[in-house]
Amino acid sequence: MVKIIVQKIASGLLLQKIQTRAGRAVGKPQKKRPLACELCEHGENMQMLKFELPIVPTAQARPRVAVRGKFAQAYKTTGQKDNERTLEACLKDHAPVKPMEGPIKLSIIAVMPIPKSASRKKQAAMLSGKEKPVKKPDSTNIAKQIEDACTRLQFWHDDSQITTLYAEKRYGENGRWEVEITELH
């Protein structure tokens, strides 16, 4: 049995080595490029990540406040925590080796599932784009959910680096997130 081991090195590079059944490393370690790293037109090394997450988009909920004794305490609901954990589990496979530097462009398309109660005529209008999802959750809270999850997973240092933001909601057969993150120079 042969196993490939990927190691993260302090410099941010990934090393890959092949291991045999006996546990000995075979072959030389090979440098592996970060996920979805591309060269821009100017020949500079620039990161661009584009991926889909096969989960229904949810919005960032406001924190709840409870008074316990003499103190007010803010907390997240269990539903919000579950949504965050699910989103982070899907996002972690797409995280760059090291956080992006400088200004960032974030494009988010939240594909909302068509309600089962919609008529066939209405479903067709939703799929063709003639009818848009104008109900909750709103686009800004959807974008905030992705921003916060990516910040926690170190896609970038801080979400203040996002200088360009595009957020759209549309209907589709199945709910999903379509995300594109570009490091601007």
N, C-alpha and C. Protein backbone atom coordinates (compact mmCIF):
# COMPACT_ATOMS: atom_id res chain seq x y z
N MET A 1 0.84 -1.18 0.00
CA MET A 1 0.00 0.00 0.00
C MET A 1 0.89 1.24 0.00
N VAL A 2 0.60 2.17 -0.88
CA VAL A 2 1.37 3.40 -0.98
C VAL A 2 0.48 4.55 -0.54
N LYS A 3 1.04 5.45 0.26
CA LYS A 3 0.28 6.57 0.80
C LYS A 3 1.02 7.85 0.47
N ILE A 4 0.29 8.88 0.07
CA ILE A 4 0.90 10.19 -0.20
C ILE A 4 0.69 11.05 1.02
N ILE A 5 1.77 11.65 1.51
CA ILE A 5 1.70 12.50 2.69
C ILE A 5 1.98 13.93 2.25
N VAL A 6 1.12 14.84 2.67
CA VAL A 6 1.31 16.25 2.37
C VAL A 6 1.65 16.94 3.68
N GLN A 7 2.77 17.68 3.68
CA GLN A 7 3.20 18.37 4.88
C GLN A 7 3.18 19.86 4.64
N LYS A 8 2.74 20.62 5.62
CA LYS A 8 2.76 22.07 5.55
C LYS A 8 4.06 22.56 6.18
N ILE A 9 4.79 23.35 5.44
CA ILE A 9 6.07 23.86 5.90
C ILE A 9 5.87 25.31 6.33
N ALA A 10 6.71 25.80 7.24
CA ALA A 10 6.57 27.14 7.81
C ALA A 10 6.55 28.22 6.73
N SER A 11 7.24 28.03 5.63
CA SER A 11 7.29 29.05 4.58
C SER A 11 5.98 29.13 3.79
N GLY A 12 5.05 28.22 4.05
CA GLY A 12 3.76 28.25 3.37
C GLY A 12 3.70 27.28 2.20
N LEU A 13 4.81 26.62 1.87
CA LEU A 13 4.80 25.66 0.77
C LEU A 13 4.32 24.31 1.28
N LEU A 14 3.83 23.51 0.37
CA LEU A 14 3.43 22.16 0.72
C LEU A 14 4.46 21.20 0.15
N LEU A 15 4.87 20.23 0.94
CA LEU A 15 5.76 19.19 0.46
C LEU A 15 4.98 17.89 0.42
N GLN A 16 5.23 17.14 -0.64
CA GLN A 16 4.52 15.89 -0.81
C GLN A 16 5.55 14.79 -0.90
N LYS A 17 5.39 13.72 -0.12
CA LYS A 17 6.29 12.58 -0.24
C LYS A 17 5.46 11.30 -0.24
N ILE A 18 6.01 10.30 -0.81
CA ILE A 18 5.31 9.03 -0.94
C ILE A 18 5.83 8.10 0.16
N GLN A 19 4.93 7.42 0.84
CA GLN A 19 5.30 6.53 1.93
C GLN A 19 4.85 5.11 1.59
N THR A 20 5.72 4.14 1.87
CA THR A 20 5.39 2.75 1.60
C THR A 20 4.66 2.15 2.80
N ARG A 21 4.25 0.91 2.65
CA ARG A 21 3.53 0.22 3.71
C ARG A 21 4.36 0.10 4.99
N ALA A 22 5.66 -0.04 4.85
CA ALA A 22 6.55 -0.18 6.00
C ALA A 22 6.74 1.14 6.74
N GLY A 23 6.27 2.24 6.17
CA GLY A 23 6.35 3.53 6.83
C GLY A 23 7.57 4.34 6.43
N ARG A 24 8.38 3.81 5.49
CA ARG A 24 9.55 4.56 5.05
C ARG A 24 9.17 5.50 3.92
N ALA A 25 9.78 6.67 3.92
CA ALA A 25 9.54 7.64 2.85
C ALA A 25 10.34 7.21 1.63
N VAL A 26 9.71 7.26 0.48
CA VAL A 26 10.34 6.88 -0.78
C VAL A 26 10.30 8.08 -1.70
N GLY A 27 11.36 8.32 -2.40
CA GLY A 27 11.37 9.42 -3.36
C GLY A 27 11.64 10.75 -2.69
N LYS A 28 11.90 11.73 -3.50
CA LYS A 28 12.19 13.06 -2.99
C LYS A 28 10.89 13.82 -2.73
N PRO A 29 10.89 14.67 -1.70
CA PRO A 29 9.71 15.52 -1.50
C PRO A 29 9.55 16.46 -2.69
N GLN A 30 8.32 16.68 -3.12
CA GLN A 30 8.05 17.56 -4.24
C GLN A 30 7.26 18.76 -3.74
N LYS A 31 7.62 19.94 -4.27
CA LYS A 31 6.85 21.13 -3.92
C LYS A 31 5.53 21.08 -4.66
N LYS A 32 4.49 21.48 -3.97
CA LYS A 32 3.15 21.47 -4.55
C LYS A 32 2.60 22.88 -4.50
N ARG A 33 2.02 23.36 -5.59
CA ARG A 33 1.48 24.71 -5.63
C ARG A 33 0.23 24.80 -4.78
N PRO A 34 -0.03 25.98 -4.19
CA PRO A 34 -1.27 26.16 -3.44
C PRO A 34 -2.48 25.95 -4.34
N LEU A 35 -3.59 25.54 -3.76
CA LEU A 35 -4.82 25.27 -4.48
C LEU A 35 -5.28 26.49 -5.26
N ALA A 36 -5.55 26.33 -6.53
CA ALA A 36 -6.10 27.36 -7.41
C ALA A 36 -5.21 28.60 -7.53
N CYS A 37 -3.91 28.44 -7.44
CA CYS A 37 -2.99 29.56 -7.61
C CYS A 37 -2.72 29.72 -9.10
N GLU A 38 -2.90 30.90 -9.62
CA GLU A 38 -2.73 31.15 -11.05
C GLU A 38 -1.80 32.32 -11.28
N LEU A 39 -1.30 32.45 -12.50
CA LEU A 39 -0.51 33.61 -12.87
C LEU A 39 -1.42 34.62 -13.54
N CYS A 40 -1.32 35.89 -13.13
CA CYS A 40 -2.14 36.91 -13.76
C CYS A 40 -1.47 37.36 -15.06
N GLU A 41 -2.12 38.26 -15.82
CA GLU A 41 -1.64 38.69 -17.13
C GLU A 41 -0.25 39.31 -17.06
N HIS A 42 0.08 39.93 -15.93
CA HIS A 42 1.34 40.65 -15.80
C HIS A 42 2.48 39.74 -15.38
N GLY A 43 2.22 38.45 -15.22
CA GLY A 43 3.26 37.51 -14.87
C GLY A 43 3.53 37.43 -13.38
N GLU A 44 2.77 38.17 -12.57
CA GLU A 44 2.96 38.14 -11.13
C GLU A 44 2.22 36.95 -10.55
N ASN A 45 2.71 36.44 -9.45
CA ASN A 45 2.02 35.34 -8.79
C ASN A 45 0.82 35.90 -8.04
N MET A 46 -0.36 35.50 -8.43
CA MET A 46 -1.59 36.04 -7.86
C MET A 46 -2.50 34.88 -7.51
N GLN A 47 -3.19 34.97 -6.40
CA GLN A 47 -4.10 33.90 -6.02
C GLN A 47 -5.51 34.23 -6.46
N MET A 48 -6.17 33.23 -7.02
CA MET A 48 -7.57 33.33 -7.36
C MET A 48 -8.21 31.99 -7.01
N LEU A 49 -9.18 32.02 -6.16
CA LEU A 49 -9.88 30.81 -5.76
C LEU A 49 -11.31 30.89 -6.28
N LYS A 50 -11.77 29.80 -6.89
CA LYS A 50 -13.15 29.75 -7.38
C LYS A 50 -13.66 28.35 -7.07
N PHE A 51 -14.79 28.31 -6.34
CA PHE A 51 -15.32 27.01 -5.94
C PHE A 51 -16.80 27.11 -5.63
N GLU A 52 -17.44 25.93 -5.56
CA GLU A 52 -18.85 25.81 -5.18
C GLU A 52 -18.93 25.01 -3.89
N LEU A 53 -19.85 25.40 -3.04
CA LEU A 53 -20.11 24.68 -1.80
C LEU A 53 -21.53 24.12 -1.89
N PRO A 54 -21.70 22.81 -1.81
CA PRO A 54 -23.01 22.19 -2.04
C PRO A 54 -23.94 22.21 -0.82
N ILE A 55 -24.06 23.36 -0.18
CA ILE A 55 -24.96 23.49 0.96
C ILE A 55 -25.87 24.69 0.74
N VAL A 56 -27.03 24.67 1.36
CA VAL A 56 -27.99 25.76 1.21
C VAL A 56 -27.43 27.01 1.91
N PRO A 57 -27.40 28.15 1.20
CA PRO A 57 -26.88 29.39 1.81
C PRO A 57 -27.73 29.84 2.99
N THR A 58 -27.03 30.27 4.04
CA THR A 58 -27.69 30.81 5.22
C THR A 58 -27.09 32.17 5.53
N ALA A 59 -27.80 32.96 6.29
CA ALA A 59 -27.34 34.30 6.63
C ALA A 59 -26.66 34.31 7.99
N GLN A 60 -25.82 35.31 8.19
CA GLN A 60 -25.20 35.53 9.49
C GLN A 60 -26.29 36.09 10.41
N ALA A 61 -26.59 35.39 11.47
CA ALA A 61 -27.63 35.84 12.40
C ALA A 61 -27.06 36.83 13.41
N ARG A 62 -27.92 37.70 13.89
CA ARG A 62 -27.49 38.63 14.93
C ARG A 62 -27.32 37.87 16.24
N PRO A 63 -26.37 38.31 17.05
CA PRO A 63 -26.21 37.63 18.34
C PRO A 63 -27.41 37.88 19.24
N ARG A 64 -27.75 36.90 20.05
CA ARG A 64 -28.83 37.02 21.03
C ARG A 64 -28.23 37.54 22.32
N VAL A 65 -29.04 38.20 23.12
CA VAL A 65 -28.56 38.74 24.40
C VAL A 65 -29.45 38.20 25.51
N ALA A 66 -28.80 37.72 26.57
CA ALA A 66 -29.52 37.22 27.74
C ALA A 66 -28.95 37.89 28.98
N VAL A 67 -29.82 38.17 29.93
CA VAL A 67 -29.37 38.75 31.19
C VAL A 67 -29.24 37.61 32.19
N ARG A 68 -28.02 37.44 32.70
CA ARG A 68 -27.75 36.38 33.67
C ARG A 68 -27.20 37.05 34.92
N GLY A 69 -28.00 37.06 35.96
CA GLY A 69 -27.61 37.78 37.17
C GLY A 69 -27.68 39.27 36.91
N LYS A 70 -26.58 39.96 37.10
CA LYS A 70 -26.54 41.40 36.85
C LYS A 70 -25.89 41.74 35.52
N PHE A 71 -25.54 40.72 34.73
CA PHE A 71 -24.79 40.96 33.51
C PHE A 71 -25.56 40.54 32.27
N ALA A 72 -25.41 41.33 31.22
CA ALA A 72 -25.96 40.97 29.91
C ALA A 72 -24.87 40.23 29.15
N GLN A 73 -25.25 39.12 28.50
CA GLN A 73 -24.27 38.31 27.79
C GLN A 73 -24.79 38.02 26.39
N ALA A 74 -23.95 38.27 25.37
CA ALA A 74 -24.31 37.97 23.99
C ALA A 74 -23.88 36.54 23.67
N TYR A 75 -24.69 35.84 22.85
CA TYR A 75 -24.36 34.47 22.48
C TYR A 75 -24.94 34.19 21.11
N LYS A 76 -24.43 33.12 20.48
CA LYS A 76 -24.96 32.66 19.19
C LYS A 76 -25.90 31.49 19.45
N THR A 77 -26.94 31.39 18.65
CA THR A 77 -27.88 30.28 18.79
C THR A 77 -27.20 28.99 18.32
N THR A 78 -27.74 27.85 18.74
CA THR A 78 -27.16 26.58 18.31
C THR A 78 -27.32 26.40 16.80
N GLY A 79 -28.41 26.90 16.22
CA GLY A 79 -28.60 26.83 14.77
C GLY A 79 -27.51 27.61 14.03
N GLN A 80 -27.18 28.80 14.53
CA GLN A 80 -26.12 29.61 13.92
C GLN A 80 -24.78 28.90 14.03
N LYS A 81 -24.50 28.34 15.19
CA LYS A 81 -23.23 27.61 15.38
C LYS A 81 -23.15 26.41 14.44
N ASP A 82 -24.25 25.68 14.28
CA ASP A 82 -24.28 24.53 13.36
C ASP A 82 -24.03 24.96 11.93
N ASN A 83 -24.68 26.07 11.51
CA ASN A 83 -24.49 26.59 10.15
C ASN A 83 -23.03 26.98 9.93
N GLU A 84 -22.42 27.62 10.91
CA GLU A 84 -21.02 28.03 10.80
C GLU A 84 -20.10 26.82 10.69
N ARG A 85 -20.34 25.80 11.51
CA ARG A 85 -19.50 24.60 11.47
C ARG A 85 -19.61 23.88 10.12
N THR A 86 -20.83 23.79 9.59
CA THR A 86 -21.03 23.13 8.30
C THR A 86 -20.32 23.91 7.19
N LEU A 87 -20.48 25.23 7.20
CA LEU A 87 -19.83 26.06 6.18
C LEU A 87 -18.31 25.95 6.28
N GLU A 88 -17.78 26.00 7.48
CA GLU A 88 -16.33 25.90 7.66
C GLU A 88 -15.80 24.54 7.22
N ALA A 89 -16.57 23.47 7.46
CA ALA A 89 -16.14 22.13 7.04
C ALA A 89 -16.04 22.06 5.51
N CYS A 90 -16.96 22.72 4.81
CA CYS A 90 -16.91 22.74 3.35
C CYS A 90 -15.81 23.66 2.84
N LEU A 91 -15.57 24.77 3.52
CA LEU A 91 -14.58 25.75 3.08
C LEU A 91 -13.14 25.31 3.30
N LYS A 92 -12.88 24.50 4.32
CA LYS A 92 -11.50 24.20 4.69
C LYS A 92 -10.72 23.52 3.57
N ASP A 93 -11.37 22.78 2.69
CA ASP A 93 -10.68 22.14 1.57
C ASP A 93 -10.20 23.15 0.53
N HIS A 94 -10.77 24.34 0.55
CA HIS A 94 -10.43 25.35 -0.44
C HIS A 94 -9.51 26.45 0.10
N ALA A 95 -9.15 26.36 1.37
CA ALA A 95 -8.34 27.41 2.00
C ALA A 95 -6.94 27.45 1.39
N PRO A 96 -6.40 28.65 1.17
CA PRO A 96 -5.04 28.75 0.63
C PRO A 96 -4.01 28.34 1.67
N VAL A 97 -2.81 28.08 1.21
CA VAL A 97 -1.73 27.64 2.10
C VAL A 97 -1.39 28.73 3.10
N LYS A 98 -1.32 29.97 2.63
CA LYS A 98 -1.09 31.09 3.54
C LYS A 98 -2.12 32.17 3.24
N PRO A 99 -2.45 33.00 4.22
CA PRO A 99 -3.48 34.02 4.01
C PRO A 99 -3.11 34.99 2.89
N MET A 100 -4.13 35.44 2.18
CA MET A 100 -3.92 36.41 1.11
C MET A 100 -3.53 37.75 1.70
N GLU A 101 -2.70 38.46 0.97
CA GLU A 101 -2.22 39.78 1.40
C GLU A 101 -2.87 40.85 0.53
N GLY A 102 -2.98 42.04 1.04
CA GLY A 102 -3.45 43.18 0.24
C GLY A 102 -4.94 43.14 -0.03
N PRO A 103 -5.37 43.97 -1.00
CA PRO A 103 -6.80 44.07 -1.30
C PRO A 103 -7.35 42.81 -1.97
N ILE A 104 -8.62 42.53 -1.67
CA ILE A 104 -9.27 41.30 -2.16
C ILE A 104 -10.63 41.63 -2.77
N LYS A 105 -10.95 40.93 -3.85
CA LYS A 105 -12.28 41.00 -4.47
C LYS A 105 -13.00 39.70 -4.12
N LEU A 106 -14.21 39.83 -3.56
CA LEU A 106 -15.01 38.67 -3.17
C LEU A 106 -16.32 38.68 -3.94
N SER A 107 -16.58 37.62 -4.68
CA SER A 107 -17.83 37.47 -5.43
C SER A 107 -18.57 36.26 -4.87
N ILE A 108 -19.83 36.49 -4.50
CA ILE A 108 -20.64 35.42 -3.91
C ILE A 108 -21.96 35.34 -4.67
N ILE A 109 -22.29 34.15 -5.11
CA ILE A 109 -23.62 33.90 -5.67
C ILE A 109 -24.27 32.84 -4.79
N ALA A 110 -25.35 33.22 -4.15
CA ALA A 110 -26.10 32.31 -3.29
C ALA A 110 -27.26 31.75 -4.11
N VAL A 111 -27.18 30.49 -4.44
CA VAL A 111 -28.24 29.84 -5.21
C VAL A 111 -29.20 29.22 -4.20
N MET A 112 -30.39 29.80 -4.14
CA MET A 112 -31.39 29.38 -3.17
C MET A 112 -32.27 28.28 -3.79
N PRO A 113 -32.64 27.26 -3.01
CA PRO A 113 -33.50 26.22 -3.55
C PRO A 113 -34.91 26.76 -3.81
N ILE A 114 -35.54 26.22 -4.84
CA ILE A 114 -36.90 26.64 -5.19
C ILE A 114 -37.85 26.07 -4.14
N PRO A 115 -38.77 26.90 -3.63
CA PRO A 115 -39.73 26.39 -2.65
C PRO A 115 -40.60 25.28 -3.25
N LYS A 116 -40.87 24.24 -2.49
CA LYS A 116 -41.67 23.12 -2.97
C LYS A 116 -43.11 23.52 -3.22
N SER A 117 -43.55 24.59 -2.56
CA SER A 117 -44.94 25.02 -2.71
C SER A 117 -45.18 25.81 -4.00
N ALA A 118 -44.13 26.16 -4.74
CA ALA A 118 -44.28 26.96 -5.95
C ALA A 118 -44.90 26.12 -7.07
N SER A 119 -45.76 26.75 -7.85
CA SER A 119 -46.39 26.07 -8.99
C SER A 119 -45.34 25.80 -10.06
N ARG A 120 -45.68 24.94 -11.03
CA ARG A 120 -44.74 24.61 -12.11
C ARG A 120 -44.38 25.85 -12.92
N LYS A 121 -45.37 26.71 -13.14
CA LYS A 121 -45.15 27.93 -13.90
C LYS A 121 -44.18 28.86 -13.15
N LYS A 122 -44.39 28.97 -11.86
CA LYS A 122 -43.54 29.81 -11.03
C LYS A 122 -42.13 29.21 -10.92
N GLN A 123 -42.04 27.89 -10.82
CA GLN A 123 -40.74 27.23 -10.78
C GLN A 123 -39.95 27.49 -12.05
N ALA A 124 -40.63 27.45 -13.19
CA ALA A 124 -39.95 27.72 -14.47
C ALA A 124 -39.45 29.15 -14.52
N ALA A 125 -40.25 30.09 -14.00
CA ALA A 125 -39.84 31.49 -13.97
C ALA A 125 -38.64 31.68 -13.04
N MET A 126 -38.63 30.97 -11.93
CA MET A 126 -37.51 31.06 -10.99
C MET A 126 -36.22 30.51 -11.60
N LEU A 127 -36.32 29.37 -12.29
CA LEU A 127 -35.14 28.77 -12.90
C LEU A 127 -34.59 29.60 -14.06
N SER A 128 -35.47 30.26 -14.79
CA SER A 128 -35.02 31.08 -15.92
C SER A 128 -34.46 32.42 -15.49
N GLY A 129 -34.65 32.78 -14.23
CA GLY A 129 -34.12 34.05 -13.74
C GLY A 129 -35.10 35.21 -13.83
N LYS A 130 -36.32 34.93 -14.30
CA LYS A 130 -37.33 36.00 -14.39
C LYS A 130 -37.84 36.39 -13.01
N GLU A 131 -37.81 35.44 -12.09
CA GLU A 131 -38.23 35.73 -10.72
C GLU A 131 -37.04 35.54 -9.79
N LYS A 132 -36.76 36.56 -9.01
CA LYS A 132 -35.61 36.55 -8.09
C LYS A 132 -36.07 36.30 -6.66
N PRO A 133 -35.19 35.77 -5.82
CA PRO A 133 -35.54 35.55 -4.41
C PRO A 133 -35.47 36.87 -3.63
N VAL A 134 -36.61 37.48 -3.38
CA VAL A 134 -36.65 38.77 -2.68
C VAL A 134 -37.01 38.62 -1.20
N LYS A 135 -37.04 37.41 -0.72
CA LYS A 135 -37.34 37.16 0.69
C LYS A 135 -36.04 36.96 1.46
N LYS A 136 -36.18 36.83 2.78
CA LYS A 136 -35.01 36.61 3.61
C LYS A 136 -34.38 35.27 3.28
N PRO A 137 -33.08 35.13 3.45
CA PRO A 137 -32.11 36.05 4.01
C PRO A 137 -31.66 37.10 3.00
N ASP A 138 -31.21 38.25 3.49
CA ASP A 138 -30.78 39.30 2.57
C ASP A 138 -29.31 39.09 2.19
N SER A 139 -28.92 39.69 1.06
CA SER A 139 -27.59 39.48 0.47
C SER A 139 -26.45 39.89 1.39
N THR A 140 -26.62 40.99 2.14
CA THR A 140 -25.53 41.45 3.00
C THR A 140 -25.22 40.46 4.12
N ASN A 141 -26.25 39.86 4.70
CA ASN A 141 -26.02 38.87 5.76
C ASN A 141 -25.48 37.56 5.20
N ILE A 142 -25.84 37.23 3.97
CA ILE A 142 -25.28 36.06 3.30
C ILE A 142 -23.78 36.29 3.07
N ALA A 143 -23.43 37.46 2.58
CA ALA A 143 -22.02 37.79 2.34
C ALA A 143 -21.23 37.78 3.66
N LYS A 144 -21.83 38.30 4.71
CA LYS A 144 -21.14 38.35 6.01
C LYS A 144 -20.85 36.94 6.54
N GLN A 145 -21.74 36.00 6.27
CA GLN A 145 -21.53 34.62 6.71
C GLN A 145 -20.25 34.05 6.07
N ILE A 146 -20.09 34.25 4.76
CA ILE A 146 -18.90 33.76 4.05
C ILE A 146 -17.66 34.53 4.52
N GLU A 147 -17.76 35.86 4.65
CA GLU A 147 -16.62 36.67 5.09
C GLU A 147 -16.09 36.19 6.43
N ASP A 148 -16.97 36.00 7.39
CA ASP A 148 -16.55 35.59 8.73
C ASP A 148 -15.94 34.19 8.73
N ALA A 149 -16.54 33.27 7.98
CA ALA A 149 -16.01 31.90 7.93
C ALA A 149 -14.63 31.88 7.27
N CYS A 150 -14.45 32.64 6.20
CA CYS A 150 -13.15 32.69 5.52
C CYS A 150 -12.09 33.37 6.40
N THR A 151 -12.49 34.36 7.18
CA THR A 151 -11.55 35.00 8.09
C THR A 151 -11.09 34.02 9.17
N ARG A 152 -12.03 33.25 9.73
CA ARG A 152 -11.66 32.26 10.74
C ARG A 152 -10.73 31.18 10.18
N LEU A 153 -10.90 30.83 8.90
CA LEU A 153 -10.07 29.79 8.27
C LEU A 153 -8.81 30.35 7.62
N GLN A 154 -8.53 31.63 7.84
CA GLN A 154 -7.31 32.28 7.36
C GLN A 154 -7.19 32.32 5.83
N PHE A 155 -8.30 32.60 5.13
CA PHE A 155 -8.21 32.90 3.71
C PHE A 155 -7.49 34.24 3.54
N TRP A 156 -7.73 35.15 4.49
CA TRP A 156 -7.08 36.45 4.56
C TRP A 156 -6.89 36.79 6.03
N HIS A 157 -6.17 37.86 6.30
CA HIS A 157 -5.90 38.23 7.70
C HIS A 157 -7.14 38.83 8.36
N ASP A 158 -7.82 39.71 7.65
CA ASP A 158 -8.99 40.40 8.21
C ASP A 158 -9.95 40.72 7.07
N ASP A 159 -11.26 40.69 7.35
CA ASP A 159 -12.20 40.97 6.27
C ASP A 159 -12.21 42.45 5.85
N SER A 160 -11.44 43.29 6.53
CA SER A 160 -11.29 44.67 6.07
C SER A 160 -10.46 44.72 4.79
N GLN A 161 -9.78 43.64 4.42
CA GLN A 161 -9.02 43.57 3.18
C GLN A 161 -9.92 43.50 1.96
N ILE A 162 -11.19 43.17 2.14
CA ILE A 162 -12.12 43.06 1.02
C ILE A 162 -12.48 44.46 0.56
N THR A 163 -12.01 44.83 -0.64
CA THR A 163 -12.28 46.16 -1.17
C THR A 163 -13.40 46.13 -2.21
N THR A 164 -13.62 44.97 -2.82
CA THR A 164 -14.68 44.83 -3.81
C THR A 164 -15.53 43.62 -3.41
N LEU A 165 -16.84 43.85 -3.32
CA LEU A 165 -17.75 42.79 -2.91
C LEU A 165 -18.92 42.72 -3.88
N TYR A 166 -19.18 41.53 -4.39
CA TYR A 166 -20.32 41.28 -5.26
C TYR A 166 -21.13 40.16 -4.62
N ALA A 167 -22.39 40.42 -4.33
CA ALA A 167 -23.27 39.41 -3.73
C ALA A 167 -24.56 39.34 -4.52
N GLU A 168 -24.98 38.14 -4.88
CA GLU A 168 -26.19 37.94 -5.66
C GLU A 168 -26.94 36.74 -5.13
N LYS A 169 -28.28 36.83 -5.18
CA LYS A 169 -29.13 35.69 -4.84
C LYS A 169 -29.88 35.30 -6.10
N ARG A 170 -30.01 34.00 -6.32
CA ARG A 170 -30.80 33.51 -7.45
C ARG A 170 -31.37 32.15 -7.08
N TYR A 171 -32.32 31.69 -7.85
CA TYR A 171 -32.90 30.37 -7.61
C TYR A 171 -32.20 29.31 -8.43
N GLY A 172 -32.21 28.09 -7.93
CA GLY A 172 -31.65 26.94 -8.64
C GLY A 172 -32.30 25.67 -8.15
N GLU A 173 -32.01 24.57 -8.84
CA GLU A 173 -32.57 23.27 -8.46
C GLU A 173 -32.19 22.92 -7.02
N ASN A 174 -30.90 23.07 -6.72
CA ASN A 174 -30.39 22.76 -5.38
C ASN A 174 -29.68 23.99 -4.83
N GLY A 175 -29.75 24.17 -3.52
CA GLY A 175 -29.05 25.29 -2.91
C GLY A 175 -27.55 25.07 -2.91
N ARG A 176 -26.79 26.15 -3.15
CA ARG A 176 -25.34 26.07 -3.13
C ARG A 176 -24.75 27.47 -3.07
N TRP A 177 -23.50 27.56 -2.70
CA TRP A 177 -22.74 28.80 -2.73
C TRP A 177 -21.79 28.72 -3.93
N GLU A 178 -21.65 29.81 -4.68
CA GLU A 178 -20.62 29.92 -5.71
C GLU A 178 -19.74 31.08 -5.27
N VAL A 179 -18.48 30.80 -4.99
CA VAL A 179 -17.59 31.78 -4.40
C VAL A 179 -16.36 31.97 -5.29
N GLU A 180 -15.97 33.22 -5.47
CA GLU A 180 -14.74 33.55 -6.19
C GLU A 180 -13.99 34.60 -5.37
N ILE A 181 -12.75 34.30 -5.03
CA ILE A 181 -11.91 35.20 -4.24
C ILE A 181 -10.67 35.52 -5.06
N THR A 182 -10.42 36.80 -5.29
CA THR A 182 -9.27 37.21 -6.10
C THR A 182 -8.44 38.19 -5.30
N GLU A 183 -7.14 37.95 -5.28
CA GLU A 183 -6.20 38.88 -4.65
C GLU A 183 -5.85 39.95 -5.68
N LEU A 184 -6.16 41.21 -5.38
CA LEU A 184 -5.93 42.30 -6.31
C LEU A 184 -4.53 42.90 -6.09
N HIS A 185 -3.91 43.37 -7.18
CA HIS A 185 -2.58 44.00 -7.08
C HIS A 185 -2.64 45.40 -7.62
